[in-house]
Amino acid sequence: MATKFRSLDDLPLVLRVEDLMPVLDIGRNTAYELIRSGQIRSVRVGRKLRIPKQAVEDFLAGKPK
């Protein structure tokens, strides 16, 4: 699956789970598990999950939540 983001600078301020999957080259279940376990911080807006860009950067840098 090709991603439209070439670098972390290209990421939008807030990502959907569907945007996170190709960035990390993971599947949907793994993405939701990372969120559910707290390894990647997320925000619930109504019924939708949104992942702040900073949360992705922190996860990749190995920073604790």
C-alpha atoms as a PDB file:
ATOM      1  CA  MET A   1       0.000   0.000   0.000  1.00  0.00           C
ATOM      2  CA  ALA A   2       1.554   3.298  -1.074  1.00  0.00           C
ATOM      3  CA  THR A   3       1.424   6.242   1.272  1.00  0.00           C
ATOM      4  CA  LYS A   4       0.911   9.850   0.263  1.00  0.00           C
ATOM      5  CA  PHE A   5       3.234  11.046   3.029  1.00  0.00           C
ATOM      6  CA  ARG A   6       6.943  11.182   2.219  1.00  0.00           C
ATOM      7  CA  SER A   7       8.209  12.409   5.598  1.00  0.00           C
ATOM      8  CA  LEU A   8       7.007  13.240   9.088  1.00  0.00           C
ATOM      9  CA  ASP A   9       6.796  16.877   7.986  1.00  0.00           C
ATOM     10  CA  ASP A  10       4.168  15.891   5.399  1.00  0.00           C
ATOM     11  CA  LEU A  11       1.842  14.376   8.013  1.00  0.00           C
ATOM     12  CA  PRO A  12      -1.290  16.355   8.847  1.00  0.00           C
ATOM     13  CA  LEU A  13      -1.713  17.712  12.366  1.00  0.00           C
ATOM     14  CA  VAL A  14      -4.200  14.908  13.141  1.00  0.00           C
ATOM     15  CA  LEU A  15      -4.356  11.461  11.509  1.00  0.00           C
ATOM     16  CA  ARG A  16      -7.083   8.896  11.141  1.00  0.00           C
ATOM     17  CA  VAL A  17      -6.323   5.234  11.852  1.00  0.00           C
ATOM     18  CA  GLU A  18      -6.402   4.683   8.080  1.00  0.00           C
ATOM     19  CA  ASP A  19      -3.641   7.303   7.709  1.00  0.00           C
ATOM     20  CA  LEU A  20      -1.543   5.734  10.466  1.00  0.00           C
ATOM     21  CA  MET A  21      -1.523   2.263   8.915  1.00  0.00           C
ATOM     22  CA  PRO A  22       0.648   3.012   5.854  1.00  0.00           C
ATOM     23  CA  VAL A  23       2.893   5.410   7.805  1.00  0.00           C
ATOM     24  CA  LEU A  24       3.901   2.596  10.173  1.00  0.00           C
ATOM     25  CA  ASP A  25       3.354  -0.166   7.588  1.00  0.00           C
ATOM     26  CA  ILE A  26       0.966  -1.994   9.909  1.00  0.00           C
ATOM     27  CA  GLY A  27      -2.515  -3.432   9.593  1.00  0.00           C
ATOM     28  CA  ARG A  28      -5.768  -2.148  11.029  1.00  0.00           C
ATOM     29  CA  ASN A  29      -5.795  -4.558  13.993  1.00  0.00           C
ATOM     30  CA  THR A  30      -2.244  -3.634  14.974  1.00  0.00           C
ATOM     31  CA  ALA A  31      -3.042   0.085  14.716  1.00  0.00           C
ATOM     32  CA  TYR A  32      -6.061  -0.269  16.996  1.00  0.00           C
ATOM     33  CA  GLU A  33      -4.049  -2.406  19.436  1.00  0.00           C
ATOM     34  CA  LEU A  34      -1.320   0.262  19.680  1.00  0.00           C
ATOM     35  CA  ILE A  35      -4.014   2.821  20.472  1.00  0.00           C
ATOM     36  CA  ARG A  36      -5.925   0.553  22.849  1.00  0.00           C
ATOM     37  CA  SER A  37      -2.750  -0.330  24.780  1.00  0.00           C
ATOM     38  CA  GLY A  38      -1.766   3.332  25.094  1.00  0.00           C
ATOM     39  CA  GLN A  39       1.454   2.989  23.105  1.00  0.00           C
ATOM     40  CA  ILE A  40       0.107   5.623  20.723  1.00  0.00           C
ATOM     41  CA  ARG A  41      -1.949   8.432  22.213  1.00  0.00           C
ATOM     42  CA  SER A  42      -5.284   9.189  20.578  1.00  0.00           C
ATOM     43  CA  VAL A  43      -8.206  11.560  20.966  1.00  0.00           C
ATOM     44  CA  ARG A  44     -11.832  10.592  20.556  1.00  0.00           C
ATOM     45  CA  VAL A  45     -13.902  13.139  18.627  1.00  0.00           C
ATOM     46  CA  GLY A  46     -17.465  11.935  18.857  1.00  0.00           C
ATOM     47  CA  ARG A  47     -17.247   8.307  17.746  1.00  0.00           C
ATOM     48  CA  LYS A  48     -14.053   8.767  15.753  1.00  0.00           C
ATOM     49  CA  LEU A  49     -10.452   8.271  16.833  1.00  0.00           C
ATOM     50  CA  ARG A  50      -7.844  10.808  15.854  1.00  0.00           C
ATOM     51  CA  ILE A  51      -4.113  10.476  16.400  1.00  0.00           C
ATOM     52  CA  PRO A  52      -2.118  13.677  16.909  1.00  0.00           C
ATOM     53  CA  LYS A  53       0.988  13.956  14.725  1.00  0.00           C
ATOM     54  CA  GLN A  54       3.042  14.491  17.889  1.00  0.00           C
ATOM     55  CA  ALA A  55       1.822  11.120  19.239  1.00  0.00           C
ATOM     56  CA  VAL A  56       3.196   9.378  16.126  1.00  0.00           C
ATOM     57  CA  GLU A  57       6.509  11.229  16.452  1.00  0.00           C
ATOM     58  CA  ASP A  58       6.717  10.319  20.162  1.00  0.00           C
ATOM     59  CA  PHE A  59       5.993   6.649  19.387  1.00  0.00           C
ATOM     60  CA  LEU A  60       8.686   6.523  16.723  1.00  0.00           C
ATOM     61  CA  ALA A  61      11.172   8.238  19.045  1.00  0.00           C
ATOM     62  CA  GLY A  62      10.403   5.683  21.767  1.00  0.00           C
ATOM     63  CA  LYS A  63       9.137   8.299  24.200  1.00  0.00           C
ATOM     64  CA  PRO A  64       6.753   7.029  26.884  1.00  0.00           C
ATOM     65  CA  LYS A  65       3.183   8.251  26.777  1.00  0.00           C
END
